[in-house]
N, C-alpha and C. Protein backbone atom coordinates (compact mmCIF):
# COMPACT_ATOMS: atom_id res chain seq x y z
N MET A 1 42.48 10.80 -58.58
CA MET A 1 41.42 10.71 -57.60
C MET A 1 41.26 9.23 -57.23
N ASN A 2 41.23 8.96 -55.94
CA ASN A 2 41.16 7.58 -55.48
C ASN A 2 39.74 7.23 -55.08
N ILE A 3 39.00 6.68 -56.02
CA ILE A 3 37.60 6.32 -55.81
C ILE A 3 37.49 5.22 -54.76
N LYS A 4 38.42 4.30 -54.72
CA LYS A 4 38.37 3.22 -53.72
C LYS A 4 38.44 3.80 -52.31
N HIS A 5 39.28 4.80 -52.12
CA HIS A 5 39.40 5.42 -50.80
C HIS A 5 38.11 6.14 -50.42
N ILE A 6 37.53 6.87 -51.36
CA ILE A 6 36.27 7.57 -51.10
C ILE A 6 35.17 6.57 -50.78
N ALA A 7 35.12 5.47 -51.52
CA ALA A 7 34.11 4.44 -51.28
C ALA A 7 34.28 3.82 -49.90
N SER A 8 35.53 3.62 -49.49
CA SER A 8 35.75 3.03 -48.15
C SER A 8 35.32 4.01 -47.06
N LEU A 9 35.55 5.30 -47.27
CA LEU A 9 35.10 6.29 -46.30
C LEU A 9 33.57 6.31 -46.20
N ALA A 10 32.92 6.09 -47.33
CA ALA A 10 31.45 6.06 -47.36
C ALA A 10 30.90 4.69 -46.98
N ARG A 11 31.82 3.74 -46.77
CA ARG A 11 31.45 2.36 -46.41
C ARG A 11 30.53 1.73 -47.44
N ILE A 12 30.91 1.90 -48.72
CA ILE A 12 30.17 1.25 -49.79
C ILE A 12 31.14 0.43 -50.63
N LYS A 13 30.61 -0.61 -51.22
CA LYS A 13 31.42 -1.46 -52.10
C LYS A 13 31.03 -1.15 -53.54
N LEU A 14 32.04 -0.99 -54.38
CA LEU A 14 31.80 -0.71 -55.78
C LEU A 14 32.46 -1.78 -56.64
N THR A 15 31.79 -2.16 -57.70
CA THR A 15 32.41 -3.04 -58.68
C THR A 15 33.37 -2.20 -59.51
N GLU A 16 34.20 -2.85 -60.32
CA GLU A 16 35.14 -2.09 -61.16
C GLU A 16 34.38 -1.19 -62.13
N ARG A 17 33.27 -1.69 -62.64
CA ARG A 17 32.46 -0.89 -63.56
C ARG A 17 31.89 0.34 -62.85
N GLU A 18 31.40 0.15 -61.62
CA GLU A 18 30.87 1.27 -60.85
C GLU A 18 31.97 2.26 -60.50
N GLU A 19 33.16 1.75 -60.17
CA GLU A 19 34.29 2.64 -59.86
C GLU A 19 34.60 3.55 -61.04
N GLU A 20 34.63 2.97 -62.23
CA GLU A 20 34.94 3.75 -63.43
C GLU A 20 33.86 4.80 -63.67
N ARG A 21 32.59 4.41 -63.50
CA ARG A 21 31.50 5.35 -63.70
C ARG A 21 31.56 6.48 -62.68
N MET A 22 31.82 6.14 -61.41
CA MET A 22 31.92 7.16 -60.37
C MET A 22 33.09 8.10 -60.62
N LYS A 23 34.19 7.53 -61.09
CA LYS A 23 35.37 8.35 -61.39
C LYS A 23 35.02 9.38 -62.47
N ASN A 24 34.34 8.93 -63.52
CA ASN A 24 33.94 9.84 -64.61
C ASN A 24 32.97 10.90 -64.12
N GLU A 25 31.99 10.49 -63.31
CA GLU A 25 30.99 11.44 -62.81
C GLU A 25 31.61 12.46 -61.86
N LEU A 26 32.48 12.00 -60.98
CA LEU A 26 33.12 12.91 -60.03
C LEU A 26 34.05 13.88 -60.77
N THR A 27 34.75 13.40 -61.75
CA THR A 27 35.61 14.27 -62.57
C THR A 27 34.78 15.34 -63.26
N SER A 28 33.61 14.94 -63.76
CA SER A 28 32.72 15.88 -64.43
C SER A 28 32.23 16.95 -63.46
N VAL A 29 31.85 16.56 -62.26
CA VAL A 29 31.37 17.51 -61.25
C VAL A 29 32.48 18.48 -60.87
N LEU A 30 33.68 17.96 -60.63
CA LEU A 30 34.79 18.83 -60.24
C LEU A 30 35.18 19.78 -61.36
N SER A 31 35.09 19.34 -62.60
CA SER A 31 35.37 20.21 -63.75
C SER A 31 34.36 21.35 -63.81
N TYR A 32 33.10 21.03 -63.54
CA TYR A 32 32.06 22.06 -63.55
C TYR A 32 32.31 23.09 -62.44
N ILE A 33 32.73 22.62 -61.29
CA ILE A 33 33.03 23.53 -60.18
C ILE A 33 34.20 24.44 -60.55
N GLU A 34 35.19 23.91 -61.25
CA GLU A 34 36.30 24.74 -61.72
C GLU A 34 35.81 25.85 -62.64
N LYS A 35 34.87 25.51 -63.52
CA LYS A 35 34.30 26.53 -64.41
C LYS A 35 33.59 27.61 -63.61
N LEU A 36 32.82 27.19 -62.59
CA LEU A 36 32.11 28.17 -61.76
C LEU A 36 33.07 29.08 -61.02
N ASN A 37 34.22 28.54 -60.62
CA ASN A 37 35.22 29.35 -59.91
C ASN A 37 35.84 30.41 -60.80
N GLU A 38 35.75 30.26 -62.12
CA GLU A 38 36.32 31.23 -63.05
C GLU A 38 35.42 32.46 -63.22
N ILE A 39 34.18 32.38 -62.79
CA ILE A 39 33.23 33.48 -62.98
C ILE A 39 33.58 34.64 -62.05
N ASN A 40 33.54 35.85 -62.59
CA ASN A 40 33.81 37.05 -61.81
C ASN A 40 32.57 37.38 -60.97
N THR A 41 32.72 37.26 -59.66
CA THR A 41 31.59 37.54 -58.76
C THR A 41 31.84 38.78 -57.91
N ASN A 42 32.78 39.63 -58.33
CA ASN A 42 33.03 40.87 -57.60
C ASN A 42 31.77 41.71 -57.60
N GLY A 43 31.41 42.23 -56.45
CA GLY A 43 30.23 43.08 -56.34
C GLY A 43 28.92 42.33 -56.22
N VAL A 44 28.97 41.03 -56.24
CA VAL A 44 27.74 40.24 -56.09
C VAL A 44 27.58 39.88 -54.62
N GLU A 45 26.43 40.26 -54.06
CA GLU A 45 26.17 39.96 -52.66
C GLU A 45 25.92 38.46 -52.48
N PRO A 46 26.47 37.88 -51.41
CA PRO A 46 26.22 36.46 -51.15
C PRO A 46 24.74 36.20 -50.88
N LEU A 47 24.26 35.08 -51.34
CA LEU A 47 22.87 34.69 -51.12
C LEU A 47 22.88 33.56 -50.10
N TYR A 48 22.38 33.84 -48.91
CA TYR A 48 22.44 32.86 -47.84
C TYR A 48 21.20 31.99 -47.78
N GLN A 49 20.08 32.53 -48.15
CA GLN A 49 18.86 31.75 -48.18
C GLN A 49 17.87 32.45 -49.10
N THR A 50 16.87 31.72 -49.57
CA THR A 50 15.98 32.27 -50.59
C THR A 50 14.53 32.40 -50.16
N THR A 51 14.16 31.84 -49.00
CA THR A 51 12.75 31.82 -48.63
C THR A 51 12.28 33.08 -47.93
N GLY A 52 13.18 33.82 -47.31
CA GLY A 52 12.80 34.99 -46.55
C GLY A 52 12.36 34.68 -45.13
N LEU A 53 12.29 33.41 -44.79
CA LEU A 53 11.89 33.03 -43.44
C LEU A 53 13.03 33.33 -42.47
N VAL A 54 12.67 33.87 -41.32
CA VAL A 54 13.65 34.17 -40.29
C VAL A 54 13.21 33.48 -39.01
N ASN A 55 14.11 32.66 -38.45
CA ASN A 55 13.82 31.97 -37.19
C ASN A 55 12.44 31.31 -37.20
N SER A 56 12.19 30.54 -38.20
CA SER A 56 10.92 29.83 -38.31
C SER A 56 10.94 28.66 -37.34
N MET A 57 10.37 28.86 -36.16
CA MET A 57 10.39 27.84 -35.12
C MET A 57 8.97 27.48 -34.74
N ARG A 58 8.82 26.29 -34.22
CA ARG A 58 7.53 25.89 -33.67
C ARG A 58 7.78 25.01 -32.46
N GLU A 59 6.81 24.93 -31.61
CA GLU A 59 6.91 24.08 -30.43
C GLU A 59 6.75 22.63 -30.85
N ASP A 60 7.47 21.74 -30.19
CA ASP A 60 7.26 20.31 -30.39
C ASP A 60 5.94 19.94 -29.75
N GLU A 61 5.14 19.21 -30.50
CA GLU A 61 3.85 18.79 -29.98
C GLU A 61 3.70 17.29 -30.17
N ALA A 62 3.25 16.62 -29.15
CA ALA A 62 2.97 15.20 -29.25
C ALA A 62 1.56 15.05 -29.81
N PHE A 63 1.42 14.26 -30.87
CA PHE A 63 0.12 14.07 -31.49
C PHE A 63 -0.64 12.88 -30.89
N GLY A 64 0.07 12.10 -30.09
CA GLY A 64 -0.59 10.96 -29.46
C GLY A 64 -0.81 9.79 -30.41
N ASP A 65 -0.13 9.79 -31.57
CA ASP A 65 -0.29 8.69 -32.51
C ASP A 65 0.21 7.37 -31.93
N PHE A 66 1.29 7.42 -31.19
CA PHE A 66 1.85 6.23 -30.58
C PHE A 66 1.93 6.44 -29.08
N ARG A 67 1.25 5.61 -28.36
CA ARG A 67 1.33 5.68 -26.91
C ARG A 67 2.57 4.90 -26.50
N HIS A 68 3.61 5.63 -26.10
CA HIS A 68 4.87 4.99 -25.74
C HIS A 68 4.74 4.38 -24.35
N GLY A 69 4.96 3.11 -24.31
CA GLY A 69 4.92 2.39 -23.04
C GLY A 69 5.83 1.19 -23.12
N GLU A 70 5.83 0.41 -22.09
CA GLU A 70 6.72 -0.76 -22.03
C GLU A 70 6.41 -1.75 -23.16
N ASN A 71 5.13 -1.92 -23.50
CA ASN A 71 4.75 -2.86 -24.56
C ASN A 71 5.30 -2.43 -25.91
N LEU A 72 5.13 -1.15 -26.25
CA LEU A 72 5.65 -0.64 -27.52
C LEU A 72 7.17 -0.72 -27.54
N ASN A 73 7.81 -0.36 -26.44
CA ASN A 73 9.26 -0.41 -26.36
C ASN A 73 9.76 -1.84 -26.60
N LYS A 74 9.11 -2.83 -26.00
CA LYS A 74 9.52 -4.23 -26.20
C LYS A 74 9.37 -4.64 -27.66
N LYS A 75 8.29 -4.20 -28.30
CA LYS A 75 8.07 -4.54 -29.71
C LYS A 75 9.15 -3.91 -30.59
N LEU A 76 9.46 -2.64 -30.34
CA LEU A 76 10.46 -1.95 -31.17
C LEU A 76 11.85 -2.53 -30.95
N ILE A 77 12.26 -2.68 -29.71
CA ILE A 77 13.58 -3.23 -29.41
C ILE A 77 13.65 -4.68 -29.84
N GLY A 78 12.54 -5.39 -29.73
CA GLY A 78 12.49 -6.80 -30.09
C GLY A 78 12.75 -7.06 -31.56
N GLN A 79 12.55 -6.07 -32.42
CA GLN A 79 12.77 -6.24 -33.85
C GLN A 79 14.24 -6.08 -34.25
N ALA A 80 15.05 -5.56 -33.36
CA ALA A 80 16.46 -5.31 -33.67
C ALA A 80 17.21 -6.63 -33.74
N PRO A 81 18.16 -6.75 -34.69
CA PRO A 81 18.93 -7.99 -34.79
C PRO A 81 19.80 -8.25 -33.56
N GLU A 82 20.32 -7.19 -32.95
CA GLU A 82 21.10 -7.34 -31.71
C GLU A 82 20.61 -6.32 -30.70
N LYS A 83 20.51 -6.76 -29.46
CA LYS A 83 20.07 -5.86 -28.41
C LYS A 83 20.81 -6.18 -27.12
N GLN A 84 20.89 -5.19 -26.27
CA GLN A 84 21.53 -5.37 -24.97
C GLN A 84 20.73 -4.55 -23.97
N ASP A 85 20.27 -5.19 -22.92
CA ASP A 85 19.38 -4.57 -21.95
C ASP A 85 18.17 -4.02 -22.69
N ASN A 86 17.96 -2.73 -22.63
CA ASN A 86 16.80 -2.13 -23.29
C ASN A 86 17.23 -1.25 -24.46
N PHE A 87 18.38 -1.59 -25.08
CA PHE A 87 18.93 -0.78 -26.15
C PHE A 87 19.20 -1.63 -27.39
N VAL A 88 19.16 -0.97 -28.56
CA VAL A 88 19.57 -1.62 -29.80
C VAL A 88 21.09 -1.56 -29.86
N LYS A 89 21.72 -2.69 -30.10
CA LYS A 89 23.18 -2.75 -30.16
C LYS A 89 23.62 -2.67 -31.61
N VAL A 90 24.51 -1.73 -31.91
CA VAL A 90 25.00 -1.54 -33.28
C VAL A 90 26.53 -1.55 -33.27
N LYS A 91 27.09 -1.76 -34.45
CA LYS A 91 28.55 -1.73 -34.59
C LYS A 91 29.05 -0.30 -34.39
N SER A 92 30.25 -0.18 -33.86
CA SER A 92 30.86 1.13 -33.68
C SER A 92 31.20 1.72 -35.04
N VAL A 93 30.96 2.99 -35.20
CA VAL A 93 31.33 3.68 -36.43
C VAL A 93 32.58 4.51 -36.26
N LEU A 94 33.08 4.60 -35.01
CA LEU A 94 34.24 5.43 -34.75
C LEU A 94 35.54 4.63 -34.68
N ASN A 95 35.47 3.37 -34.36
CA ASN A 95 36.65 2.54 -34.25
C ASN A 95 36.66 1.49 -35.35
N LYS A 96 37.85 1.21 -35.85
CA LYS A 96 37.94 0.15 -36.86
C LYS A 96 38.39 -1.12 -36.22
């Protein structure tokens, strides 16, 4: 298992000590999943959810806590380290 590759995909840096710990923990999790796969589940109905709620929807409601206007927008955008026009500018996550 290549912990360095997984860490790079998650965009996190690990020390050698953390890599070793993560390797041990991930191995333990995967071993447990292997044990679960050995259980005979023939005849057991799949459990998709446990609450019994079906299509629990509600309308979006504005509570009026924040009056969105040009002043608030300037304050929020103004706090960003990089901005362009009226948007927060961030690094691309799709291109390397």
